[in-house]
Amino acid sequence: WPHVLGLGILGGIGFTMSFFISGQAFPVANDSAAAKIAVFSASMLSALIGVAVLWKAPNQETAIS
């Protein structure tokens, strides 16, 4: 289950469509840039937390022992 949790958190990295939607939702350049920074920051946070969870998850050898 810890691996499933880590992979679920890593699912937050996908940001290509978010960039497209933010460009359509915020036609003003400053608003669009702020939205892109927020999406990129959230993706980086998701990557860091997901890697940390997977790093701490027990692997198969330690789970059996």
C-alpha atoms as a PDB file:
ATOM      1  CA  TRP A   1       0.000   0.000   0.000  1.00  0.00           C
ATOM      2  CA  PRO A   2       2.800   2.507   0.574  1.00  0.00           C
ATOM      3  CA  HIS A   3       3.851   2.015  -3.048  1.00  0.00           C
ATOM      4  CA  VAL A   4       0.327   2.684  -4.282  1.00  0.00           C
ATOM      5  CA  LEU A   5       0.208   5.850  -2.185  1.00  0.00           C
ATOM      6  CA  GLY A   6       3.563   7.021  -3.561  1.00  0.00           C
ATOM      7  CA  LEU A   7       2.508   6.397  -7.152  1.00  0.00           C
ATOM      8  CA  GLY A   8      -0.770   8.209  -6.544  1.00  0.00           C
ATOM      9  CA  ILE A   9       1.114  11.233  -5.280  1.00  0.00           C
ATOM     10  CA  LEU A  10       3.429  11.081  -8.287  1.00  0.00           C
ATOM     11  CA  GLY A  11       0.308  11.272 -10.455  1.00  0.00           C
ATOM     12  CA  GLY A  12       0.147  14.964  -9.558  1.00  0.00           C
ATOM     13  CA  ILE A  13       3.161  15.651 -11.762  1.00  0.00           C
ATOM     14  CA  GLY A  14       1.185  15.727 -15.033  1.00  0.00           C
ATOM     15  CA  PHE A  15       0.946  19.416 -15.848  1.00  0.00           C
ATOM     16  CA  THR A  16       0.839  19.716 -19.646  1.00  0.00           C
ATOM     17  CA  MET A  17      -2.945  19.984 -19.819  1.00  0.00           C
ATOM     18  CA  SER A  18      -2.966  22.360 -16.846  1.00  0.00           C
ATOM     19  CA  PHE A  19      -0.731  24.757 -18.789  1.00  0.00           C
ATOM     20  CA  PHE A  20      -3.165  24.683 -21.724  1.00  0.00           C
ATOM     21  CA  ILE A  21      -6.211  25.229 -19.517  1.00  0.00           C
ATOM     22  CA  SER A  22      -4.562  28.088 -17.600  1.00  0.00           C
ATOM     23  CA  GLY A  23      -3.663  29.750 -20.894  1.00  0.00           C
ATOM     24  CA  GLN A  24      -7.313  29.557 -21.970  1.00  0.00           C
ATOM     25  CA  ALA A  25      -8.726  30.601 -18.596  1.00  0.00           C
ATOM     26  CA  PHE A  26      -6.428  33.587 -18.033  1.00  0.00           C
ATOM     27  CA  PRO A  27      -5.991  35.592 -21.241  1.00  0.00           C
ATOM     28  CA  VAL A  28      -4.006  38.303 -19.416  1.00  0.00           C
ATOM     29  CA  ALA A  29      -0.290  37.473 -19.631  1.00  0.00           C
ATOM     30  CA  ASN A  30       0.439  38.184 -15.947  1.00  0.00           C
ATOM     31  CA  ASP A  31      -2.413  35.988 -14.733  1.00  0.00           C
ATOM     32  CA  SER A  32      -1.419  33.188 -17.090  1.00  0.00           C
ATOM     33  CA  ALA A  33       2.205  33.371 -15.939  1.00  0.00           C
ATOM     34  CA  ALA A  34       1.155  33.226 -12.277  1.00  0.00           C
ATOM     35  CA  ALA A  35      -1.029  30.192 -12.977  1.00  0.00           C
ATOM     36  CA  LYS A  36       1.836  28.448 -14.787  1.00  0.00           C
ATOM     37  CA  ILE A  37       4.178  29.118 -11.867  1.00  0.00           C
ATOM     38  CA  ALA A  38       1.587  27.706  -9.456  1.00  0.00           C
ATOM     39  CA  VAL A  39       1.078  24.578 -11.585  1.00  0.00           C
ATOM     40  CA  PHE A  40       4.821  24.026 -11.895  1.00  0.00           C
ATOM     41  CA  SER A  41       5.328  24.531  -8.143  1.00  0.00           C
ATOM     42  CA  ALA A  42       2.558  22.066  -7.309  1.00  0.00           C
ATOM     43  CA  SER A  43       4.058  19.532  -9.717  1.00  0.00           C
ATOM     44  CA  MET A  44       7.474  19.858  -8.115  1.00  0.00           C
ATOM     45  CA  LEU A  45       5.937  19.484  -4.646  1.00  0.00           C
ATOM     46  CA  SER A  46       4.096  16.363  -5.794  1.00  0.00           C
ATOM     47  CA  ALA A  47       7.320  14.920  -7.200  1.00  0.00           C
ATOM     48  CA  LEU A  48       9.238  15.561  -3.988  1.00  0.00           C
ATOM     49  CA  ILE A  49       6.570  14.128  -1.711  1.00  0.00           C
ATOM     50  CA  GLY A  50       6.005  11.116  -3.984  1.00  0.00           C
ATOM     51  CA  VAL A  51       9.709  10.291  -4.108  1.00  0.00           C
ATOM     52  CA  ALA A  52       9.969  10.667  -0.331  1.00  0.00           C
ATOM     53  CA  VAL A  53       7.044   8.293   0.230  1.00  0.00           C
ATOM     54  CA  LEU A  54       8.459   5.724  -2.198  1.00  0.00           C
ATOM     55  CA  TRP A  55      11.924   6.064  -0.691  1.00  0.00           C
ATOM     56  CA  LYS A  56      10.578   5.239   2.780  1.00  0.00           C
ATOM     57  CA  ALA A  57       8.285   2.434   1.572  1.00  0.00           C
ATOM     58  CA  PRO A  58       9.553  -1.026   2.455  1.00  0.00           C
ATOM     59  CA  ASN A  59      10.812  -3.060  -0.468  1.00  0.00           C
ATOM     60  CA  GLN A  60       9.900  -6.703  -1.014  1.00  0.00           C
ATOM     61  CA  GLU A  61      12.944  -8.136   0.795  1.00  0.00           C
ATOM     62  CA  THR A  62      12.434  -6.125   3.989  1.00  0.00           C
ATOM     63  CA  ALA A  63       8.680  -6.681   4.014  1.00  0.00           C
ATOM     64  CA  ILE A  64       9.077 -10.480   4.025  1.00  0.00           C
ATOM     65  CA  SER A  65      11.857 -10.636   6.626  1.00  0.00           C
END
